[in-house]
Amino acid sequence: NINGHGVDAVIDTGATVLAMSSREAQRLGIAYKLGLPTVVATASGMSDAYAITLSKVEIGGITVSRIDAVVIEGHYPHVVLLGMSFLEHVNLQEYNNIMTLTPRHH
């Protein structure tokens, strides 16, 4: 969940921050154009984007507040990419091709 709304997401340890498309941000009611305009490198080249802070991101019983994110203009990525701005708050373990996320206690 992002700000209380369900989303499809993938773990992306290669992404610096959580990333979503502007189409997804609009669906979630995020006023992303109030964010800081920027440019990001994607698989298909450079894209216009906005740097924002998400109020709350939840997976299972794990809740993290104030997550840095980027909203990329257009339809890419098709799912939310959970990058390191979220993943740095959890412990990731992989065993037998199953990835387990647990809360990281600071």
PDB file of N, CA and C in Angstrom:
ATOM      1  N   ASN A   1       0.843  -1.196   0.000  1.00  0.00           N
ATOM      2  CA  ASN A   1       0.000   0.000   0.000  1.00  0.00           C
ATOM      3  C   ASN A   1       0.877   1.244   0.000  1.00  0.00           C
ATOM      4  N   ILE A   2       0.454   2.237  -0.763  1.00  0.00           N
ATOM      5  CA  ILE A   2       1.089   3.554  -0.724  1.00  0.00           C
ATOM      6  C   ILE A   2       0.008   4.543  -0.330  1.00  0.00           C
ATOM      7  N   ASN A   3       0.250   5.260   0.765  1.00  0.00           N
ATOM      8  CA  ASN A   3      -0.721   6.225   1.290  1.00  0.00           C
ATOM      9  C   ASN A   3      -2.110   5.586   1.416  1.00  0.00           C
ATOM     10  N   GLY A   4      -2.147   4.298   1.802  1.00  0.00           N
ATOM     11  CA  GLY A   4      -3.408   3.611   2.037  1.00  0.00           C
ATOM     12  C   GLY A   4      -4.060   2.969   0.831  1.00  0.00           C
ATOM     13  N   HIS A   5      -3.449   3.084  -0.355  1.00  0.00           N
ATOM     14  CA  HIS A   5      -4.008   2.495  -1.579  1.00  0.00           C
ATOM     15  C   HIS A   5      -3.162   1.296  -2.021  1.00  0.00           C
ATOM     16  N   GLY A   6      -3.838   0.230  -2.457  1.00  0.00           N
ATOM     17  CA  GLY A   6      -3.136  -0.957  -2.930  1.00  0.00           C
ATOM     18  C   GLY A   6      -2.415  -0.716  -4.246  1.00  0.00           C
ATOM     19  N   VAL A   7      -1.191  -1.228  -4.354  1.00  0.00           N
ATOM     20  CA  VAL A   7      -0.409  -1.110  -5.593  1.00  0.00           C
ATOM     21  C   VAL A   7       0.272  -2.445  -5.888  1.00  0.00           C
ATOM     22  N   ASP A   8       0.568  -2.662  -7.174  1.00  0.00           N
ATOM     23  CA  ASP A   8       1.438  -3.764  -7.570  1.00  0.00           C
ATOM     24  C   ASP A   8       2.854  -3.220  -7.560  1.00  0.00           C
ATOM     25  N   ALA A   9       3.785  -3.994  -6.984  1.00  0.00           N
ATOM     26  CA  ALA A   9       5.158  -3.512  -6.854  1.00  0.00           C
ATOM     27  C   ALA A   9       6.139  -4.658  -7.011  1.00  0.00           C
ATOM     28  N   VAL A  10       7.363  -4.318  -7.388  1.00  0.00           N
ATOM     29  CA  VAL A  10       8.451  -5.287  -7.430  1.00  0.00           C
ATOM     30  C   VAL A  10       9.632  -4.729  -6.634  1.00  0.00           C
ATOM     31  N   ILE A  11      10.380  -5.638  -6.023  1.00  0.00           N
ATOM     32  CA  ILE A  11      11.602  -5.263  -5.320  1.00  0.00           C
ATOM     33  C   ILE A  11      12.648  -4.937  -6.379  1.00  0.00           C
ATOM     34  N   ASP A  12      13.291  -3.769  -6.273  1.00  0.00           N
ATOM     35  CA  ASP A  12      14.325  -3.380  -7.238  1.00  0.00           C
ATOM     36  C   ASP A  12      15.526  -2.832  -6.475  1.00  0.00           C
ATOM     37  N   THR A  13      16.448  -3.735  -6.132  1.00  0.00           N
ATOM     38  CA  THR A  13      17.626  -3.324  -5.362  1.00  0.00           C
ATOM     39  C   THR A  13      18.561  -2.440  -6.192  1.00  0.00           C
ATOM     40  N   GLY A  14      18.352  -2.407  -7.508  1.00  0.00           N
ATOM     41  CA  GLY A  14      19.168  -1.559  -8.373  1.00  0.00           C
ATOM     42  C   GLY A  14      18.651  -0.132  -8.490  1.00  0.00           C
ATOM     43  N   ALA A  15      17.476   0.131  -7.936  1.00  0.00           N
ATOM     44  CA  ALA A  15      16.895   1.477  -7.985  1.00  0.00           C
ATOM     45  C   ALA A  15      17.245   2.227  -6.704  1.00  0.00           C
ATOM     46  N   THR A  16      17.698   3.450  -6.852  1.00  0.00           N
ATOM     47  CA  THR A  16      18.072   4.265  -5.699  1.00  0.00           C
ATOM     48  C   THR A  16      16.856   4.593  -4.836  1.00  0.00           C
ATOM     49  N   VAL A  17      15.759   4.943  -5.493  1.00  0.00           N
ATOM     50  CA  VAL A  17      14.548   5.327  -4.760  1.00  0.00           C
ATOM     51  C   VAL A  17      13.348   4.566  -5.297  1.00  0.00           C
ATOM     52  N   LEU A  18      12.278   4.576  -4.524  1.00  0.00           N
ATOM     53  CA  LEU A  18      11.009   4.032  -4.987  1.00  0.00           C
ATOM     54  C   LEU A  18      10.590   4.839  -6.217  1.00  0.00           C
ATOM     55  N   ALA A  19      10.128   4.152  -7.260  1.00  0.00           N
ATOM     56  CA  ALA A  19       9.744   4.840  -8.495  1.00  0.00           C
ATOM     57  C   ALA A  19       8.380   4.364  -8.965  1.00  0.00           C
ATOM     58  N   MET A  20       7.617   5.302  -9.540  1.00  0.00           N
ATOM     59  CA  MET A  20       6.321   4.967 -10.125  1.00  0.00           C
ATOM     60  C   MET A  20       6.060   5.869 -11.310  1.00  0.00           C
ATOM     61  N   SER A  21       5.124   5.451 -12.154  1.00  0.00           N
ATOM     62  CA  SER A  21       4.753   6.263 -13.309  1.00  0.00           C
ATOM     63  C   SER A  21       3.798   7.377 -12.884  1.00  0.00           C
ATOM     64  N   SER A  22       3.713   8.408 -13.704  1.00  0.00           N
ATOM     65  CA  SER A  22       2.752   9.485 -13.413  1.00  0.00           C
ATOM     66  C   SER A  22       1.326   8.961 -13.485  1.00  0.00           C
ATOM     67  N   ARG A  23       1.089   7.970 -14.337  1.00  0.00           N
ATOM     68  CA  ARG A  23      -0.245   7.367 -14.421  1.00  0.00           C
ATOM     69  C   ARG A  23      -0.621   6.732 -13.079  1.00  0.00           C
ATOM     70  N   GLU A  24       0.313   6.007 -12.463  1.00  0.00           N
ATOM     71  CA  GLU A  24       0.064   5.381 -11.155  1.00  0.00           C
ATOM     72  C   GLU A  24      -0.112   6.461 -10.079  1.00  0.00           C
ATOM     73  N   ALA A  25       0.723   7.492 -10.115  1.00  0.00           N
ATOM     74  CA  ALA A  25       0.623   8.575  -9.123  1.00  0.00           C
ATOM     75  C   ALA A  25      -0.752   9.242  -9.198  1.00  0.00           C
ATOM     76  N   GLN A  26      -1.252   9.448 -10.405  1.00  0.00           N
ATOM     77  CA  GLN A  26      -2.575  10.049 -10.570  1.00  0.00           C
ATOM     78  C   GLN A  26      -3.649   9.141  -9.991  1.00  0.00           C
ATOM     79  N   ARG A  27      -3.520   7.824 -10.234  1.00  0.00           N
ATOM     80  CA  ARG A  27      -4.481   6.858  -9.699  1.00  0.00           C
ATOM     81  C   ARG A  27      -4.485   6.896  -8.168  1.00  0.00           C
ATOM     82  N   LEU A  28      -3.318   7.136  -7.574  1.00  0.00           N
ATOM     83  CA  LEU A  28      -3.176   7.163  -6.120  1.00  0.00           C
ATOM     84  C   LEU A  28      -3.514   8.529  -5.519  1.00  0.00           C
ATOM     85  N   GLY A  29      -3.810   9.510  -6.370  1.00  0.00           N
ATOM     86  CA  GLY A  29      -4.152  10.838  -5.872  1.00  0.00           C
ATOM     87  C   GLY A  29      -2.960  11.622  -5.352  1.00  0.00           C
ATOM     88  N   ILE A  30      -1.768  11.328  -5.869  1.00  0.00           N
ATOM     89  CA  ILE A  30      -0.548  12.009  -5.421  1.00  0.00           C
ATOM     90  C   ILE A  30      -0.327  13.264  -6.274  1.00  0.00           C
ATOM     91  N   ALA A  31      -0.202  14.409  -5.621  1.00  0.00           N
ATOM     92  CA  ALA A  31       0.031  15.688  -6.321  1.00  0.00           C
ATOM     93  C   ALA A  31       1.523  15.815  -6.634  1.00  0.00           C
ATOM     94  N   TYR A  32       1.998  14.926  -7.509  1.00  0.00           N
ATOM     95  CA  TYR A  32       3.435  14.812  -7.749  1.00  0.00           C
ATOM     96  C   TYR A  32       4.049  16.040  -8.406  1.00  0.00           C
ATOM     97  N   LYS A  33       3.248  16.822  -9.127  1.00  0.00           N
ATOM     98  CA  LYS A  33       3.818  18.002  -9.800  1.00  0.00           C
ATOM     99  C   LYS A  33       4.218  19.088  -8.805  1.00  0.00           C
ATOM    100  N   LEU A  34       3.854  18.906  -7.528  1.00  0.00           N
ATOM    101  CA  LEU A  34       4.338  19.807  -6.474  1.00  0.00           C
ATOM    102  C   LEU A  34       5.762  19.431  -6.052  1.00  0.00           C
ATOM    103  N   GLY A  35       6.238  18.281  -6.538  1.00  0.00           N
ATOM    104  CA  GLY A  35       7.585  17.817  -6.213  1.00  0.00           C
ATOM    105  C   GLY A  35       8.643  18.574  -6.995  1.00  0.00           C
ATOM    106  N   LEU A  36       9.887  18.198  -6.782  1.00  0.00           N
ATOM    107  CA  LEU A  36      11.027  18.844  -7.428  1.00  0.00           C
ATOM    108  C   LEU A  36      11.234  18.248  -8.823  1.00  0.00           C
ATOM    109  N   PRO A  37      11.118  19.057  -9.899  1.00  0.00           N
ATOM    110  CA  PRO A  37      11.352  18.516 -11.241  1.00  0.00           C
ATOM    111  C   PRO A  37      12.790  17.988 -11.369  1.00  0.00           C
ATOM    112  N   THR A  38      12.924  16.849 -12.016  1.00  0.00           N
ATOM    113  CA  THR A  38      14.232  16.234 -12.190  1.00  0.00           C
ATOM    114  C   THR A  38      14.215  15.391 -13.456  1.00  0.00           C
ATOM    115  N   VAL A  39      15.320  14.751 -13.751  1.00  0.00           N
ATOM    116  CA  VAL A  39      15.416  13.829 -14.885  1.00  0.00           C
ATOM    117  C   VAL A  39      16.018  12.536 -14.352  1.00  0.00           C
ATOM    118  N   VAL A  40      15.463  11.400 -14.768  1.00  0.00           N
ATOM    119  CA  VAL A  40      15.981  10.113 -14.314  1.00  0.00           C
ATOM    120  C   VAL A  40      16.383   9.256 -15.502  1.00  0.00           C
ATOM    121  N   ALA A  41      17.371   8.386 -15.260  1.00  0.00           N
ATOM    122  CA  ALA A  41      17.796   7.428 -16.276  1.00  0.00           C
ATOM    123  C   ALA A  41      16.942   6.176 -16.120  1.00  0.00           C
ATOM    124  N   THR A  42      16.283   5.764 -17.207  1.00  0.00           N
ATOM    125  CA  THR A  42      15.490   4.536 -17.202  1.00  0.00           C
ATOM    126  C   THR A  42      16.048   3.589 -18.251  1.00  0.00           C
ATOM    127  N   ALA A  43      15.476   2.414 -18.326  1.00  0.00           N
ATOM    128  CA  ALA A  43      15.915   1.428 -19.321  1.00  0.00           C
ATOM    129  C   ALA A  43      15.761   1.974 -20.738  1.00  0.00           C
ATOM    130  N   SER A  44      14.803   2.891 -20.931  1.00  0.00           N
ATOM    131  CA  SER A  44      14.568   3.425 -22.277  1.00  0.00           C
ATOM    132  C   SER A  44      15.176   4.820 -22.473  1.00  0.00           C
ATOM    133  N   GLY A  45      16.065   5.232 -21.579  1.00  0.00           N
ATOM    134  CA  GLY A  45      16.717   6.533 -21.744  1.00  0.00           C
ATOM    135  C   GLY A  45      16.360   7.494 -20.626  1.00  0.00           C
ATOM    136  N   MET A  46      16.550   8.784 -20.886  1.00  0.00           N
ATOM    137  CA  MET A  46      16.279   9.807 -19.882  1.00  0.00           C
ATOM    138  C   MET A  46      14.799  10.191 -19.924  1.00  0.00           C
ATOM    139  N   SER A  47      14.210  10.368 -18.741  1.00  0.00           N
ATOM    140  CA  SER A  47      12.795  10.730 -18.654  1.00  0.00           C
ATOM    141  C   SER A  47      12.602  11.851 -17.642  1.00  0.00           C
ATOM    142  N   ASP A  48      11.627  12.720 -17.918  1.00  0.00           N
ATOM    143  CA  ASP A  48      11.256  13.755 -16.958  1.00  0.00           C
ATOM    144  C   ASP A  48      10.582  13.106 -15.763  1.00  0.00           C
ATOM    145  N   ALA A  49      10.864  13.629 -14.585  1.00  0.00           N
ATOM    146  CA  ALA A  49      10.315  13.049 -13.359  1.00  0.00           C
ATOM    147  C   ALA A  49      10.192  14.136 -12.297  1.00  0.00           C
ATOM    148  N   TYR A  50       9.562  13.754 -11.189  1.00  0.00           N
ATOM    149  CA  TYR A  50       9.414  14.643 -10.039  1.00  0.00           C
ATOM    150  C   TYR A  50       9.844  13.890  -8.792  1.00  0.00           C
ATOM    151  N   ALA A  51      10.710  14.508  -7.998  1.00  0.00           N
ATOM    152  CA  ALA A  51      11.129  13.930  -6.722  1.00  0.00           C
ATOM    153  C   ALA A  51      10.103  14.331  -5.664  1.00  0.00           C
ATOM    154  N   ILE A  52       9.583  13.337  -4.954  1.00  0.00           N
ATOM    155  CA  ILE A  52       8.553  13.582  -3.947  1.00  0.00           C
ATOM    156  C   ILE A  52       8.881  12.788  -2.685  1.00  0.00           C
ATOM    157  N   THR A  53       8.087  13.002  -1.645  1.00  0.00           N
ATOM    158  CA  THR A  53       8.159  12.188  -0.430  1.00  0.00           C
ATOM    159  C   THR A  53       6.784  11.580  -0.205  1.00  0.00           C
ATOM    160  N   LEU A  54       6.744  10.257  -0.088  1.00  0.00           N
ATOM    161  CA  LEU A  54       5.489   9.562   0.174  1.00  0.00           C
ATOM    162  C   LEU A  54       5.247   9.499   1.679  1.00  0.00           C
ATOM    163  N   SER A  55       4.012   9.717   2.093  1.00  0.00           N
ATOM    164  CA  SER A  55       3.682   9.714   3.523  1.00  0.00           C
ATOM    165  C   SER A  55       3.894   8.349   4.158  1.00  0.00           C
ATOM    166  N   LYS A  56       3.415   7.280   3.485  1.00  0.00           N
ATOM    167  CA  LYS A  56       3.441   5.963   4.112  1.00  0.00           C
ATOM    168  C   LYS A  56       3.469   4.873   3.055  1.00  0.00           C
ATOM    169  N   VAL A  57       4.386   3.910   3.233  1.00  0.00           N
ATOM    170  CA  VAL A  57       4.466   2.730   2.371  1.00  0.00           C
ATOM    171  C   VAL A  57       4.372   1.505   3.284  1.00  0.00           C
ATOM    172  N   GLU A  58       3.465   0.575   2.940  1.00  0.00           N
ATOM    173  CA  GLU A  58       3.246  -0.608   3.765  1.00  0.00           C
ATOM    174  C   GLU A  58       3.351  -1.883   2.932  1.00  0.00           C
ATOM    175  N   ILE A  59       4.045  -2.874   3.489  1.00  0.00           N
ATOM    176  CA  ILE A  59       4.066  -4.221   2.900  1.00  0.00           C
ATOM    177  C   ILE A  59       3.845  -5.183   4.054  1.00  0.00           C
ATOM    178  N   GLY A  60       2.808  -5.986   3.956  1.00  0.00           N
ATOM    179  CA  GLY A  60       2.512  -6.900   5.060  1.00  0.00           C
ATOM    180  C   GLY A  60       2.358  -6.092   6.327  1.00  0.00           C
ATOM    181  N   GLY A  61       3.075  -6.473   7.373  1.00  0.00           N
ATOM    182  CA  GLY A  61       3.016  -5.744   8.635  1.00  0.00           C
ATOM    183  C   GLY A  61       4.063  -4.662   8.767  1.00  0.00           C
ATOM    184  N   ILE A  62       4.798  -4.388   7.681  1.00  0.00           N
ATOM    185  CA  ILE A  62       5.884  -3.405   7.733  1.00  0.00           C
ATOM    186  C   ILE A  62       5.365  -2.067   7.216  1.00  0.00           C
ATOM    187  N   THR A  63       5.491  -1.031   8.018  1.00  0.00           N
ATOM    188  CA  THR A  63       5.074   0.313   7.620  1.00  0.00           C
ATOM    189  C   THR A  63       6.261   1.252   7.745  1.00  0.00           C
ATOM    190  N   VAL A  64       6.527   2.003   6.676  1.00  0.00           N
ATOM    191  CA  VAL A  64       7.610   2.981   6.702  1.00  0.00           C
ATOM    192  C   VAL A  64       7.036   4.331   6.286  1.00  0.00           C
ATOM    193  N   SER A  65       7.351   5.364   7.047  1.00  0.00           N
ATOM    194  CA  SER A  65       6.852   6.714   6.760  1.00  0.00           C
ATOM    195  C   SER A  65       7.919   7.551   6.075  1.00  0.00           C
ATOM    196  N   ARG A  66       7.461   8.542   5.330  1.00  0.00           N
ATOM    197  CA  ARG A  66       8.317   9.541   4.683  1.00  0.00           C
ATOM    198  C   ARG A  66       9.407   8.889   3.818  1.00  0.00           C
ATOM    199  N   ILE A  67       8.976   8.306   2.700  1.00  0.00           N
ATOM    200  CA  ILE A  67       9.876   7.618   1.772  1.00  0.00           C
ATOM    201  C   ILE A  67      10.141   8.515   0.562  1.00  0.00           C
ATOM    202  N   ASP A  68      11.416   8.750   0.252  1.00  0.00           N
ATOM    203  CA  ASP A  68      11.769   9.476  -0.970  1.00  0.00           C
ATOM    204  C   ASP A  68      11.371   8.627  -2.173  1.00  0.00           C
ATOM    205  N   ALA A  69      10.824   9.290  -3.194  1.00  0.00           N
ATOM    206  CA  ALA A  69      10.360   8.581  -4.388  1.00  0.00           C
ATOM    207  C   ALA A  69      10.494   9.484  -5.601  1.00  0.00           C
ATOM    208  N   VAL A  70      10.404   8.882  -6.777  1.00  0.00           N
ATOM    209  CA  VAL A  70      10.299   9.653  -8.014  1.00  0.00           C
ATOM    210  C   VAL A  70       9.074   9.200  -8.775  1.00  0.00           C
ATOM    211  N   VAL A  71       8.424  10.176  -9.397  1.00  0.00           N
ATOM    212  CA  VAL A  71       7.303   9.903 -10.289  1.00  0.00           C
ATOM    213  C   VAL A  71       7.784  10.234 -11.688  1.00  0.00           C
ATOM    214  N   ILE A  72       7.765   9.227 -12.566  1.00  0.00           N
ATOM    215  CA  ILE A  72       8.285   9.359 -13.928  1.00  0.00           C
ATOM    216  C   ILE A  72       7.121   9.620 -14.867  1.00  0.00           C
ATOM    217  N   GLU A  73       7.227  10.691 -15.656  1.00  0.00           N
ATOM    218  CA  GLU A  73       6.155  11.045 -16.595  1.00  0.00           C
ATOM    219  C   GLU A  73       5.868   9.889 -17.546  1.00  0.00           C
ATOM    220  N   GLY A  74       4.601   9.540 -17.693  1.00  0.00           N
ATOM    221  CA  GLY A  74       4.198   8.524 -18.657  1.00  0.00           C
ATOM    222  C   GLY A  74       3.685   7.256 -18.001  1.00  0.00           C
ATOM    223  N   HIS A  75       3.794   6.145 -18.722  1.00  0.00           N
ATOM    224  CA  HIS A  75       3.223   4.868 -18.303  1.00  0.00           C
ATOM    225  C   HIS A  75       4.266   3.904 -17.749  1.00  0.00           C
ATOM    226  N   TYR A  76       5.525   4.304 -17.771  1.00  0.00           N
ATOM    227  CA  TYR A  76       6.602   3.436 -17.275  1.00  0.00           C
ATOM    228  C   TYR A  76       7.051   3.932 -15.913  1.00  0.00           C
ATOM    229  N   PRO A  77       7.364   3.095 -14.950  1.00  0.00           N
ATOM    230  CA  PRO A  77       7.228   1.636 -14.980  1.00  0.00           C
ATOM    231  C   PRO A  77       5.775   1.197 -14.792  1.00  0.00           C
ATOM    232  N   HIS A  78       5.460  -0.012 -15.275  1.00  0.00           N
ATOM    233  CA  HIS A  78       4.087  -0.516 -15.208  1.00  0.00           C
ATOM    234  C   HIS A  78       3.690  -0.893 -13.790  1.00  0.00           C
ATOM    235  N   VAL A  79       4.661  -1.197 -12.941  1.00  0.00           N
ATOM    236  CA  VAL A  79       4.417  -1.468 -11.522  1.00  0.00           C
ATOM    237  C   VAL A  79       5.332  -0.546 -10.722  1.00  0.00           C
ATOM    238  N   VAL A  80       5.024  -0.367  -9.464  1.00  0.00           N
ATOM    239  CA  VAL A  80       5.879   0.430  -8.585  1.00  0.00           C
ATOM    240  C   VAL A  80       7.183  -0.326  -8.372  1.00  0.00           C
ATOM    241  N   LEU A  81       8.306   0.380  -8.476  1.00  0.00           N
ATOM    242  CA  LEU A  81       9.619  -0.212  -8.209  1.00  0.00           C
ATOM    243  C   LEU A  81      10.020   0.162  -6.791  1.00  0.00           C
ATOM    244  N   LEU A  82      10.096  -0.839  -5.920  1.00  0.00           N
ATOM    245  CA  LEU A  82      10.500  -0.589  -4.537  1.00  0.00           C
ATOM    246  C   LEU A  82      12.021  -0.530  -4.484  1.00  0.00           C
ATOM    247  N   GLY A  83      12.547   0.665  -4.566  1.00  0.00           N
ATOM    248  CA  GLY A  83      13.996   0.874  -4.559  1.00  0.00           C
ATOM    249  C   GLY A  83      14.546   1.014  -3.154  1.00  0.00           C
ATOM    250  N   MET A  84      15.812   1.400  -3.084  1.00  0.00           N
ATOM    251  CA  MET A  84      16.528   1.405  -1.816  1.00  0.00           C
ATOM    252  C   MET A  84      15.998   2.420  -0.809  1.00  0.00           C
ATOM    253  N   SER A  85      15.313   3.476  -1.245  1.00  0.00           N
ATOM    254  CA  SER A  85      14.768   4.426  -0.263  1.00  0.00           C
ATOM    255  C   SER A  85      13.739   3.746   0.639  1.00  0.00           C
ATOM    256  N   PHE A  86      13.106   2.671   0.139  1.00  0.00           N
ATOM    257  CA  PHE A  86      12.242   1.846   0.988  1.00  0.00           C
ATOM    258  C   PHE A  86      13.024   0.676   1.587  1.00  0.00           C
ATOM    259  N   LEU A  87      13.810  -0.006   0.758  1.00  0.00           N
ATOM    260  CA  LEU A  87      14.456  -1.250   1.189  1.00  0.00           C
ATOM    261  C   LEU A  87      15.475  -1.050   2.300  1.00  0.00           C
ATOM    262  N   GLU A  88      16.028   0.177   2.436  1.00  0.00           N
ATOM    263  CA  GLU A  88      16.993   0.412   3.506  1.00  0.00           C
ATOM    264  C   GLU A  88      16.326   0.324   4.889  1.00  0.00           C
ATOM    265  N   HIS A  89      15.000   0.290   4.922  1.00  0.00           N
ATOM    266  CA  HIS A  89      14.264   0.208   6.184  1.00  0.00           C
ATOM    267  C   HIS A  89      13.847  -1.218   6.542  1.00  0.00           C
ATOM    268  N   VAL A  90      14.202  -2.199   5.706  1.00  0.00           N
ATOM    269  CA  VAL A  90      13.832  -3.591   5.965  1.00  0.00           C
ATOM    270  C   VAL A  90      15.052  -4.492   5.834  1.00  0.00           C
ATOM    271  N   ASN A  91      14.944  -5.676   6.392  1.00  0.00           N
ATOM    272  CA  ASN A  91      15.958  -6.710   6.168  1.00  0.00           C
ATOM    273  C   ASN A  91      15.447  -7.608   5.047  1.00  0.00           C
ATOM    274  N   LEU A  92      16.295  -7.837   4.055  1.00  0.00           N
ATOM    275  CA  LEU A  92      15.960  -8.707   2.924  1.00  0.00           C
ATOM    276  C   LEU A  92      16.737 -10.002   3.069  1.00  0.00           C
ATOM    277  N   GLN A  93      16.034 -11.116   3.004  1.00  0.00           N
ATOM    278  CA  GLN A  93      16.706 -12.407   3.016  1.00  0.00           C
ATOM    279  C   GLN A  93      16.138 -13.253   1.895  1.00  0.00           C
ATOM    280  N   GLU A  94      17.031 -13.983   1.206  1.00  0.00           N
ATOM    281  CA  GLU A  94      16.577 -14.878   0.149  1.00  0.00           C
ATOM    282  C   GLU A  94      17.043 -16.285   0.467  1.00  0.00           C
ATOM    283  N   TYR A  95      16.115 -17.234   0.390  1.00  0.00           N
ATOM    284  CA  TYR A  95      16.434 -18.635   0.646  1.00  0.00           C
ATOM    285  C   TYR A  95      15.539 -19.479  -0.241  1.00  0.00           C
ATOM    286  N   ASN A  96      16.127 -20.380  -1.027  1.00  0.00           N
ATOM    287  CA  ASN A  96      15.366 -21.228  -1.951  1.00  0.00           C
ATOM    288  C   ASN A  96      14.450 -20.405  -2.861  1.00  0.00           C
ATOM    289  N   ASN A  97      14.963 -19.313  -3.394  1.00  0.00           N
ATOM    290  CA  ASN A  97      14.235 -18.432  -4.310  1.00  0.00           C
ATOM    291  C   ASN A  97      13.021 -17.753  -3.678  1.00  0.00           C
ATOM    292  N   ILE A  98      12.965 -17.699  -2.364  1.00  0.00           N
ATOM    293  CA  ILE A  98      11.904 -16.971  -1.670  1.00  0.00           C
ATOM    294  C   ILE A  98      12.540 -15.791  -0.954  1.00  0.00           C
ATOM    295  N   MET A  99      12.058 -14.586  -1.261  1.00  0.00           N
ATOM    296  CA  MET A  99      12.582 -13.393  -0.620  1.00  0.00           C
ATOM    297  C   MET A  99      11.682 -13.025   0.555  1.00  0.00           C
ATOM    298  N   THR A 100      12.294 -12.820   1.704  1.00  0.00           N
ATOM    299  CA  THR A 100      11.554 -12.465   2.912  1.00  0.00           C
ATOM    300  C   THR A 100      11.979 -11.075   3.367  1.00  0.00           C
ATOM    301  N   LEU A 101      10.983 -10.216   3.630  1.00  0.00           N
ATOM    302  CA  LEU A 101      11.234  -8.886   4.159  1.00  0.00           C
ATOM    303  C   LEU A 101      10.780  -8.861   5.606  1.00  0.00           C
ATOM    304  N   THR A 102      11.629  -8.364   6.481  1.00  0.00           N
ATOM    305  CA  THR A 102      11.267  -8.191   7.887  1.00  0.00           C
ATOM    306  C   THR A 102      11.632  -6.767   8.296  1.00  0.00           C
ATOM    307  N   PRO A 103      10.941  -6.231   9.312  1.00  0.00           N
ATOM    308  CA  PRO A 103      11.247  -4.855   9.737  1.00  0.00           C
ATOM    309  C   PRO A 103      12.671  -4.753  10.231  1.00  0.00           C
ATOM    310  N   ARG A 104      13.317  -3.632   9.947  1.00  0.00           N
ATOM    311  CA  ARG A 104      14.650  -3.355  10.486  1.00  0.00           C
ATOM    312  C   ARG A 104      14.440  -2.384  11.636  1.00  0.00           C
ATOM    313  N   HIS A 105      14.886  -2.756  12.806  1.00  0.00           N
ATOM    314  CA  HIS A 105      14.710  -1.892  13.974  1.00  0.00           C
ATOM    315  C   HIS A 105      15.948  -1.018  14.115  1.00  0.00           C
ATOM    316  N   HIS A 106      15.729   0.307  14.029  1.00  0.00           N
ATOM    317  CA  HIS A 106      16.848   1.259  14.076  1.00  0.00           C
ATOM    318  C   HIS A 106      17.295   1.490  15.498  1.00  0.00           C
TER     319      HIS A 106
END
